[in-house]
Amino acid sequence: MIRQSDKTNLKKLGAHIKRLRETKNLSLRELSYECDIDNSKISKIEKGQINITFTTILQLAKALEVNPSELLQTEFD
């Protein structure tokens, strides 16, 4: 079972990914195309609704042209 603090952290991670995407002026569809992840899954990631794998972090980082560690540079609980 996922803890409330984990849910909060997933939302923070998702919001950070969304900010990075918007900074790059990418739509969900464009990011989806660049990283080969369905845009509905990216939407769920950005809303903090799903937990993502390391490989997903790598795919998103490559598509956003950032180091994978940058995706994790946010304040977590």
C-alpha atoms as a PDB file:
ATOM      1  CA  MET A   1       0.000   0.000   0.000  1.00  0.00           C
ATOM      2  CA  ILE A   2       1.274   3.456  -0.875  1.00  0.00           C
ATOM      3  CA  ARG A   3       1.644   5.945   1.972  1.00  0.00           C
ATOM      4  CA  GLN A   4       0.180   9.445   1.908  1.00  0.00           C
ATOM      5  CA  SER A   5       3.671  10.956   1.962  1.00  0.00           C
ATOM      6  CA  ASP A   6       4.536   8.900  -1.134  1.00  0.00           C
ATOM      7  CA  LYS A   7       1.437  10.220  -2.903  1.00  0.00           C
ATOM      8  CA  THR A   8       2.477  13.758  -2.016  1.00  0.00           C
ATOM      9  CA  ASN A   9       5.966  13.169  -3.378  1.00  0.00           C
ATOM     10  CA  LEU A  10       4.600  11.703  -6.611  1.00  0.00           C
ATOM     11  CA  LYS A  11       2.506  14.859  -7.073  1.00  0.00           C
ATOM     12  CA  LYS A  12       5.583  17.033  -6.483  1.00  0.00           C
ATOM     13  CA  LEU A  13       7.595  15.009  -8.986  1.00  0.00           C
ATOM     14  CA  GLY A  14       4.791  15.208 -11.530  1.00  0.00           C
ATOM     15  CA  ALA A  15       4.426  18.964 -11.106  1.00  0.00           C
ATOM     16  CA  HIS A  16       8.173  19.363 -11.612  1.00  0.00           C
ATOM     17  CA  ILE A  17       8.090  17.292 -14.798  1.00  0.00           C
ATOM     18  CA  LYS A  18       5.169  19.382 -16.046  1.00  0.00           C
ATOM     19  CA  ARG A  19       7.091  22.619 -15.368  1.00  0.00           C
ATOM     20  CA  LEU A  20      10.073  21.284 -17.301  1.00  0.00           C
ATOM     21  CA  ARG A  21       7.810  20.276 -20.201  1.00  0.00           C
ATOM     22  CA  GLU A  22       6.135  23.678 -20.264  1.00  0.00           C
ATOM     23  CA  THR A  23       9.517  25.442 -20.073  1.00  0.00           C
ATOM     24  CA  LYS A  24      10.464  23.568 -23.250  1.00  0.00           C
ATOM     25  CA  ASN A  25       7.119  24.616 -24.806  1.00  0.00           C
ATOM     26  CA  LEU A  26       6.164  20.995 -25.414  1.00  0.00           C
ATOM     27  CA  SER A  27       2.608  19.731 -25.452  1.00  0.00           C
ATOM     28  CA  LEU A  28       1.768  16.389 -23.883  1.00  0.00           C
ATOM     29  CA  ARG A  29       1.521  14.934 -27.377  1.00  0.00           C
ATOM     30  CA  GLU A  30       4.924  16.284 -28.403  1.00  0.00           C
ATOM     31  CA  LEU A  31       6.590  14.937 -25.266  1.00  0.00           C
ATOM     32  CA  SER A  32       4.819  11.632 -25.804  1.00  0.00           C
ATOM     33  CA  TYR A  33       6.228  11.409 -29.308  1.00  0.00           C
ATOM     34  CA  GLU A  34       9.751  12.324 -28.168  1.00  0.00           C
ATOM     35  CA  CYS A  35       9.949   9.738 -25.382  1.00  0.00           C
ATOM     36  CA  ASP A  36       7.630   7.043 -26.785  1.00  0.00           C
ATOM     37  CA  ILE A  37       5.320   7.116 -23.757  1.00  0.00           C
ATOM     38  CA  ASP A  38       1.576   7.383 -24.250  1.00  0.00           C
ATOM     39  CA  ASN A  39       0.353  10.930 -23.607  1.00  0.00           C
ATOM     40  CA  SER A  40      -2.323   9.664 -21.196  1.00  0.00           C
ATOM     41  CA  LYS A  41       0.438   8.079 -19.102  1.00  0.00           C
ATOM     42  CA  ILE A  42       2.417  11.324 -19.120  1.00  0.00           C
ATOM     43  CA  SER A  43      -0.700  13.141 -17.974  1.00  0.00           C
ATOM     44  CA  LYS A  44      -1.060  10.697 -15.076  1.00  0.00           C
ATOM     45  CA  ILE A  45       2.621  11.121 -14.203  1.00  0.00           C
ATOM     46  CA  GLU A  46       2.246  14.898 -14.124  1.00  0.00           C
ATOM     47  CA  LYS A  47      -0.777  14.584 -11.842  1.00  0.00           C
ATOM     48  CA  GLY A  48       1.104  12.238  -9.529  1.00  0.00           C
ATOM     49  CA  GLN A  49      -1.363   9.438 -10.138  1.00  0.00           C
ATOM     50  CA  ILE A  50       1.152   6.731 -10.978  1.00  0.00           C
ATOM     51  CA  ASN A  51       4.565   5.673  -9.768  1.00  0.00           C
ATOM     52  CA  ILE A  52       7.170   5.629 -12.510  1.00  0.00           C
ATOM     53  CA  THR A  53      10.150   3.395 -13.164  1.00  0.00           C
ATOM     54  CA  PHE A  54      13.775   4.334 -13.600  1.00  0.00           C
ATOM     55  CA  THR A  55      13.531   3.677 -17.335  1.00  0.00           C
ATOM     56  CA  THR A  56      10.599   6.097 -17.574  1.00  0.00           C
ATOM     57  CA  ILE A  57      12.711   8.742 -15.824  1.00  0.00           C
ATOM     58  CA  LEU A  58      15.453   8.123 -18.393  1.00  0.00           C
ATOM     59  CA  GLN A  59      13.019   8.407 -21.306  1.00  0.00           C
ATOM     60  CA  LEU A  60      11.506  11.634 -19.981  1.00  0.00           C
ATOM     61  CA  ALA A  61      14.917  13.160 -19.255  1.00  0.00           C
ATOM     62  CA  LYS A  62      16.168  12.409 -22.741  1.00  0.00           C
ATOM     63  CA  ALA A  63      13.051  13.884 -24.348  1.00  0.00           C
ATOM     64  CA  LEU A  64      13.248  16.982 -22.118  1.00  0.00           C
ATOM     65  CA  GLU A  65      16.988  17.275 -22.820  1.00  0.00           C
ATOM     66  CA  VAL A  66      17.949  17.271 -19.134  1.00  0.00           C
ATOM     67  CA  ASN A  67      20.050  15.071 -16.924  1.00  0.00           C
ATOM     68  CA  PRO A  68      17.871  12.419 -15.213  1.00  0.00           C
ATOM     69  CA  SER A  69      18.922  13.813 -11.833  1.00  0.00           C
ATOM     70  CA  GLU A  70      17.281  17.129 -12.774  1.00  0.00           C
ATOM     71  CA  LEU A  71      13.893  15.433 -12.809  1.00  0.00           C
ATOM     72  CA  LEU A  72      14.424  14.595  -9.145  1.00  0.00           C
ATOM     73  CA  GLN A  73      15.539  18.075  -8.112  1.00  0.00           C
ATOM     74  CA  THR A  74      12.506  19.140  -6.137  1.00  0.00           C
ATOM     75  CA  GLU A  75      11.614  19.317  -2.463  1.00  0.00           C
ATOM     76  CA  PHE A  76      10.328  15.947  -1.294  1.00  0.00           C
ATOM     77  CA  ASP A  77       8.823  15.110   2.091  1.00  0.00           C
END
